[in-house]
Amino acid sequence: MAKDPRFDYVHRVFADLTGALEDATVLAAEAQATASRDDARRRCEDLIAAVNLCLVRLHRLRKRLE
């Protein structure tokens, strides 16, 4: 079966998402060691930003696949 070049973009997005989700996992793991409420709040904001970026990428991909 021949490779469909239209899916190169899809594969790239999924690869990028994998890396971004791995980064978010590291952020969450590091946040487990927070010692103060302020540090926990900052780490929470960082994690929200990372996950939101993944969500934006997924929505963009979904629109492209429609």
PDB file of N, CA and C in Angstrom:
ATOM      1  N   MET A   1       0.842  -1.174   0.000  1.00  0.00           N
ATOM      2  CA  MET A   1       0.000   0.000   0.000  1.00  0.00           C
ATOM      3  C   MET A   1       0.889   1.240   0.000  1.00  0.00           C
ATOM      4  N   ALA A   2       0.640   2.165  -0.876  1.00  0.00           N
ATOM      5  CA  ALA A   2       1.453   3.377  -0.999  1.00  0.00           C
ATOM      6  C   ALA A   2       1.166   4.337   0.151  1.00  0.00           C
ATOM      7  N   LYS A   3       2.213   5.035   0.536  1.00  0.00           N
ATOM      8  CA  LYS A   3       2.081   6.016   1.607  1.00  0.00           C
ATOM      9  C   LYS A   3       1.351   7.249   1.077  1.00  0.00           C
ATOM     10  N   ASP A   4       0.369   7.721   1.821  1.00  0.00           N
ATOM     11  CA  ASP A   4      -0.407   8.891   1.422  1.00  0.00           C
ATOM     12  C   ASP A   4       0.291  10.140   1.961  1.00  0.00           C
ATOM     13  N   PRO A   5       0.829  10.983   1.076  1.00  0.00           N
ATOM     14  CA  PRO A   5       1.567  12.163   1.529  1.00  0.00           C
ATOM     15  C   PRO A   5       0.705  13.159   2.295  1.00  0.00           C
ATOM     16  N   ARG A   6      -0.607  13.089   2.133  1.00  0.00           N
ATOM     17  CA  ARG A   6      -1.489  13.996   2.875  1.00  0.00           C
ATOM     18  C   ARG A   6      -1.451  13.733   4.372  1.00  0.00           C
ATOM     19  N   PHE A   7      -1.049  12.549   4.743  1.00  0.00           N
ATOM     20  CA  PHE A   7      -1.010  12.208   6.160  1.00  0.00           C
ATOM     21  C   PHE A   7       0.323  12.537   6.816  1.00  0.00           C
ATOM     22  N   ASP A   8       1.270  13.031   6.057  1.00  0.00           N
ATOM     23  CA  ASP A   8       2.533  13.455   6.662  1.00  0.00           C
ATOM     24  C   ASP A   8       2.280  14.523   7.723  1.00  0.00           C
ATOM     25  N   TYR A   9       1.407  15.479   7.398  1.00  0.00           N
ATOM     26  CA  TYR A   9       1.058  16.525   8.362  1.00  0.00           C
ATOM     27  C   TYR A   9       0.437  15.910   9.616  1.00  0.00           C
ATOM     28  N   VAL A  10      -0.478  14.984   9.432  1.00  0.00           N
ATOM     29  CA  VAL A  10      -1.154  14.332  10.560  1.00  0.00           C
ATOM     30  C   VAL A  10      -0.128  13.623  11.444  1.00  0.00           C
ATOM     31  N   HIS A  11       0.764  12.894  10.832  1.00  0.00           N
ATOM     32  CA  HIS A  11       1.784  12.174  11.595  1.00  0.00           C
ATOM     33  C   HIS A  11       2.684  13.136  12.349  1.00  0.00           C
ATOM     34  N   ARG A  12       3.036  14.256  11.705  1.00  0.00           N
ATOM     35  CA  ARG A  12       3.873  15.266  12.365  1.00  0.00           C
ATOM     36  C   ARG A  12       3.168  15.875  13.563  1.00  0.00           C
ATOM     37  N   VAL A  13       1.872  16.158  13.405  1.00  0.00           N
ATOM     38  CA  VAL A  13       1.110  16.736  14.520  1.00  0.00           C
ATOM     39  C   VAL A  13       1.056  15.755  15.678  1.00  0.00           C
ATOM     40  N   PHE A  14       0.791  14.497  15.403  1.00  0.00           N
ATOM     41  CA  PHE A  14       0.738  13.506  16.479  1.00  0.00           C
ATOM     42  C   PHE A  14       2.102  13.338  17.148  1.00  0.00           C
ATOM     43  N   ALA A  15       3.168  13.398  16.368  1.00  0.00           N
ATOM     44  CA  ALA A  15       4.510  13.307  16.961  1.00  0.00           C
ATOM     45  C   ALA A  15       4.779  14.520  17.851  1.00  0.00           C
ATOM     46  N   ASP A  16       4.403  15.706  17.378  1.00  0.00           N
ATOM     47  CA  ASP A  16       4.578  16.916  18.186  1.00  0.00           C
ATOM     48  C   ASP A  16       3.741  16.853  19.459  1.00  0.00           C
ATOM     49  N   LEU A  17       2.514  16.348  19.328  1.00  0.00           N
ATOM     50  CA  LEU A  17       1.649  16.210  20.501  1.00  0.00           C
ATOM     51  C   LEU A  17       2.223  15.235  21.507  1.00  0.00           C
ATOM     52  N   THR A  18       2.802  14.166  21.013  1.00  0.00           N
ATOM     53  CA  THR A  18       3.429  13.209  21.918  1.00  0.00           C
ATOM     54  C   THR A  18       4.505  13.889  22.744  1.00  0.00           C
ATOM     55  N   GLY A  19       5.348  14.677  22.089  1.00  0.00           N
ATOM     56  CA  GLY A  19       6.398  15.402  22.812  1.00  0.00           C
ATOM     57  C   GLY A  19       5.826  16.411  23.789  1.00  0.00           C
ATOM     58  N   ALA A  20       4.800  17.143  23.360  1.00  0.00           N
ATOM     59  CA  ALA A  20       4.192  18.148  24.234  1.00  0.00           C
ATOM     60  C   ALA A  20       3.528  17.502  25.447  1.00  0.00           C
ATOM     61  N   LEU A  21       2.880  16.369  25.242  1.00  0.00           N
ATOM     62  CA  LEU A  21       2.252  15.669  26.368  1.00  0.00           C
ATOM     63  C   LEU A  21       3.303  15.073  27.313  1.00  0.00           C
ATOM     64  N   GLU A  22       4.408  14.625  26.750  1.00  0.00           N
ATOM     65  CA  GLU A  22       5.508  14.156  27.606  1.00  0.00           C
ATOM     66  C   GLU A  22       6.059  15.305  28.444  1.00  0.00           C
ATOM     67  N   ASP A  23       6.187  16.484  27.835  1.00  0.00           N
ATOM     68  CA  ASP A  23       6.636  17.666  28.578  1.00  0.00           C
ATOM     69  C   ASP A  23       5.654  18.004  29.696  1.00  0.00           C
ATOM     70  N   ALA A  24       4.360  17.918  29.402  1.00  0.00           N
ATOM     71  CA  ALA A  24       3.342  18.187  30.414  1.00  0.00           C
ATOM     72  C   ALA A  24       3.421  17.164  31.544  1.00  0.00           C
ATOM     73  N   THR A  25       3.727  15.927  31.201  1.00  0.00           N
ATOM     74  CA  THR A  25       3.877  14.890  32.217  1.00  0.00           C
ATOM     75  C   THR A  25       5.031  15.216  33.161  1.00  0.00           C
ATOM     76  N   VAL A  26       6.122  15.705  32.595  1.00  0.00           N
ATOM     77  CA  VAL A  26       7.272  16.102  33.412  1.00  0.00           C
ATOM     78  C   VAL A  26       6.882  17.263  34.329  1.00  0.00           C
ATOM     79  N   LEU A  27       6.167  18.241  33.794  1.00  0.00           N
ATOM     80  CA  LEU A  27       5.713  19.365  34.613  1.00  0.00           C
ATOM     81  C   LEU A  27       4.864  18.875  35.787  1.00  0.00           C
ATOM     82  N   ALA A  28       3.948  17.960  35.506  1.00  0.00           N
ATOM     83  CA  ALA A  28       3.080  17.429  36.563  1.00  0.00           C
ATOM     84  C   ALA A  28       3.878  16.650  37.595  1.00  0.00           C
ATOM     85  N   ALA A  29       4.839  15.873  37.132  1.00  0.00           N
ATOM     86  CA  ALA A  29       5.665  15.097  38.065  1.00  0.00           C
ATOM     87  C   ALA A  29       6.499  16.011  38.951  1.00  0.00           C
ATOM     88  N   GLU A  30       7.074  17.055  38.353  1.00  0.00           N
ATOM     89  CA  GLU A  30       7.869  17.998  39.129  1.00  0.00           C
ATOM     90  C   GLU A  30       6.999  18.769  40.115  1.00  0.00           C
ATOM     91  N   ALA A  31       5.760  19.028  39.745  1.00  0.00           N
ATOM     92  CA  ALA A  31       4.849  19.768  40.618  1.00  0.00           C
ATOM     93  C   ALA A  31       4.524  19.002  41.892  1.00  0.00           C
ATOM     94  N   GLN A  32       4.707  17.707  41.866  1.00  0.00           N
ATOM     95  CA  GLN A  32       4.450  16.908  43.065  1.00  0.00           C
ATOM     96  C   GLN A  32       5.394  17.264  44.207  1.00  0.00           C
ATOM     97  N   ALA A  33       6.510  17.900  43.865  1.00  0.00           N
ATOM     98  CA  ALA A  33       7.504  18.239  44.886  1.00  0.00           C
ATOM     99  C   ALA A  33       7.389  19.695  45.348  1.00  0.00           C
ATOM    100  N   THR A  34       6.303  20.368  45.006  1.00  0.00           N
ATOM    101  CA  THR A  34       6.179  21.768  45.396  1.00  0.00           C
ATOM    102  C   THR A  34       6.106  21.890  46.908  1.00  0.00           C
ATOM    103  N   ALA A  35       6.723  22.967  47.390  1.00  0.00           N
ATOM    104  CA  ALA A  35       6.792  23.167  48.837  1.00  0.00           C
ATOM    105  C   ALA A  35       5.905  24.311  49.312  1.00  0.00           C
ATOM    106  N   SER A  36       5.402  25.109  48.378  1.00  0.00           N
ATOM    107  CA  SER A  36       4.573  26.241  48.804  1.00  0.00           C
ATOM    108  C   SER A  36       3.356  26.372  47.900  1.00  0.00           C
ATOM    109  N   ARG A  37       2.384  27.069  48.422  1.00  0.00           N
ATOM    110  CA  ARG A  37       1.160  27.294  47.668  1.00  0.00           C
ATOM    111  C   ARG A  37       1.428  28.134  46.416  1.00  0.00           C
ATOM    112  N   ASP A  38       2.285  29.146  46.538  1.00  0.00           N
ATOM    113  CA  ASP A  38       2.623  29.993  45.387  1.00  0.00           C
ATOM    114  C   ASP A  38       3.323  29.196  44.299  1.00  0.00           C
ATOM    115  N   ASP A  39       4.248  28.341  44.685  1.00  0.00           N
ATOM    116  CA  ASP A  39       4.945  27.498  43.713  1.00  0.00           C
ATOM    117  C   ASP A  39       3.964  26.541  43.045  1.00  0.00           C
ATOM    118  N   ALA A  40       3.060  25.980  43.829  1.00  0.00           N
ATOM    119  CA  ALA A  40       2.058  25.062  43.272  1.00  0.00           C
ATOM    120  C   ALA A  40       1.160  25.801  42.281  1.00  0.00           C
ATOM    121  N   ARG A  41       0.787  27.029  42.602  1.00  0.00           N
ATOM    122  CA  ARG A  41      -0.055  27.825  41.706  1.00  0.00           C
ATOM    123  C   ARG A  41       0.671  28.101  40.392  1.00  0.00           C
ATOM    124  N   ARG A  42       1.956  28.465  40.469  1.00  0.00           N
ATOM    125  CA  ARG A  42       2.743  28.719  39.252  1.00  0.00           C
ATOM    126  C   ARG A  42       2.868  27.458  38.404  1.00  0.00           C
ATOM    127  N   ARG A  43       3.137  26.368  39.054  1.00  0.00           N
ATOM    128  CA  ARG A  43       3.273  25.105  38.312  1.00  0.00           C
ATOM    129  C   ARG A  43       1.950  24.681  37.694  1.00  0.00           C
ATOM    130  N   CYS A  44       0.873  24.954  38.389  1.00  0.00           N
ATOM    131  CA  CYS A  44      -0.458  24.648  37.855  1.00  0.00           C
ATOM    132  C   CYS A  44      -0.717  25.472  36.600  1.00  0.00           C
ATOM    133  N   GLU A  45      -0.376  26.752  36.651  1.00  0.00           N
ATOM    134  CA  GLU A  45      -0.547  27.616  35.480  1.00  0.00           C
ATOM    135  C   GLU A  45       0.312  27.136  34.309  1.00  0.00           C
ATOM    136  N   ASP A  46       1.542  26.712  34.597  1.00  0.00           N
ATOM    137  CA  ASP A  46       2.410  26.181  33.543  1.00  0.00           C
ATOM    138  C   ASP A  46       1.806  24.932  32.908  1.00  0.00           C
ATOM    139  N   LEU A  47       1.252  24.076  33.736  1.00  0.00           N
ATOM    140  CA  LEU A  47       0.660  22.834  33.239  1.00  0.00           C
ATOM    141  C   LEU A  47      -0.603  23.127  32.428  1.00  0.00           C
ATOM    142  N   ILE A  48      -1.415  24.063  32.891  1.00  0.00           N
ATOM    143  CA  ILE A  48      -2.613  24.449  32.144  1.00  0.00           C
ATOM    144  C   ILE A  48      -2.223  24.977  30.769  1.00  0.00           C
ATOM    145  N   ALA A  49      -1.203  25.818  30.716  1.00  0.00           N
ATOM    146  CA  ALA A  49      -0.747  26.367  29.434  1.00  0.00           C
ATOM    147  C   ALA A  49      -0.277  25.256  28.502  1.00  0.00           C
ATOM    148  N   ALA A  50       0.461  24.297  29.035  1.00  0.00           N
ATOM    149  CA  ALA A  50       0.966  23.190  28.213  1.00  0.00           C
ATOM    150  C   ALA A  50      -0.169  22.329  27.671  1.00  0.00           C
ATOM    151  N   VAL A  51      -1.140  22.028  28.514  1.00  0.00           N
ATOM    152  CA  VAL A  51      -2.262  21.190  28.085  1.00  0.00           C
ATOM    153  C   VAL A  51      -3.162  21.960  27.116  1.00  0.00           C
ATOM    154  N   ASN A  52      -3.357  23.247  27.358  1.00  0.00           N
ATOM    155  CA  ASN A  52      -4.156  24.055  26.425  1.00  0.00           C
ATOM    156  C   ASN A  52      -3.518  24.115  25.048  1.00  0.00           C
ATOM    157  N   LEU A  53      -2.203  24.204  25.001  1.00  0.00           N
ATOM    158  CA  LEU A  53      -1.508  24.198  23.716  1.00  0.00           C
ATOM    159  C   LEU A  53      -1.782  22.888  22.970  1.00  0.00           C
ATOM    160  N   CYS A  54      -1.765  21.789  23.680  1.00  0.00           N
ATOM    161  CA  CYS A  54      -2.089  20.493  23.060  1.00  0.00           C
ATOM    162  C   CYS A  54      -3.523  20.497  22.543  1.00  0.00           C
ATOM    163  N   LEU A  55      -4.427  21.048  23.326  1.00  0.00           N
ATOM    164  CA  LEU A  55      -5.828  21.090  22.924  1.00  0.00           C
ATOM    165  C   LEU A  55      -6.022  21.935  21.669  1.00  0.00           C
ATOM    166  N   VAL A  56      -5.359  23.062  21.589  1.00  0.00           N
ATOM    167  CA  VAL A  56      -5.432  23.909  20.399  1.00  0.00           C
ATOM    168  C   VAL A  56      -4.936  23.141  19.179  1.00  0.00           C
ATOM    169  N   ARG A  57      -3.829  22.444  19.333  1.00  0.00           N
ATOM    170  CA  ARG A  57      -3.281  21.668  18.219  1.00  0.00           C
ATOM    171  C   ARG A  57      -4.240  20.565  17.777  1.00  0.00           C
ATOM    172  N   LEU A  58      -4.882  19.921  18.739  1.00  0.00           N
ATOM    173  CA  LEU A  58      -5.834  18.862  18.408  1.00  0.00           C
ATOM    174  C   LEU A  58      -7.055  19.414  17.687  1.00  0.00           C
ATOM    175  N   HIS A  59      -7.569  20.545  18.134  1.00  0.00           N
ATOM    176  CA  HIS A  59      -8.709  21.157  17.446  1.00  0.00           C
ATOM    177  C   HIS A  59      -8.349  21.546  16.026  1.00  0.00           C
ATOM    178  N   ARG A  60      -7.154  22.086  15.857  1.00  0.00           N
ATOM    179  CA  ARG A  60      -6.693  22.473  14.520  1.00  0.00           C
ATOM    180  C   ARG A  60      -6.596  21.236  13.617  1.00  0.00           C
ATOM    181  N   LEU A  61      -6.068  20.154  14.166  1.00  0.00           N
ATOM    182  CA  LEU A  61      -5.954  18.916  13.399  1.00  0.00           C
ATOM    183  C   LEU A  61      -7.334  18.382  13.035  1.00  0.00           C
ATOM    184  N   ARG A  62      -8.240  18.407  13.991  1.00  0.00           N
ATOM    185  CA  ARG A  62      -9.597  17.900  13.725  1.00  0.00           C
ATOM    186  C   ARG A  62     -10.244  18.676  12.595  1.00  0.00           C
ATOM    187  N   LYS A  63     -10.111  20.009  12.621  1.00  0.00           N
ATOM    188  CA  LYS A  63     -10.692  20.828  11.544  1.00  0.00           C
ATOM    189  C   LYS A  63     -10.079  20.464  10.198  1.00  0.00           C
ATOM    190  N   ARG A  64      -8.793  20.225  10.195  1.00  0.00           N
ATOM    191  CA  ARG A  64      -8.113  19.885   8.936  1.00  0.00           C
ATOM    192  C   ARG A  64      -8.556  18.525   8.416  1.00  0.00           C
ATOM    193  N   LEU A  65      -8.950  17.638   9.316  1.00  0.00           N
ATOM    194  CA  LEU A  65      -9.368  16.292   8.905  1.00  0.00           C
ATOM    195  C   LEU A  65     -10.827  16.225   8.477  1.00  0.00           C
ATOM    196  N   GLU A  66     -11.574  17.282   8.703  1.00  0.00           N
ATOM    197  CA  GLU A  66     -12.993  17.275   8.321  1.00  0.00           C
ATOM    198  C   GLU A  66     -13.180  17.378   6.828  1.00  0.00           C
TER     199      GLU A  66
END
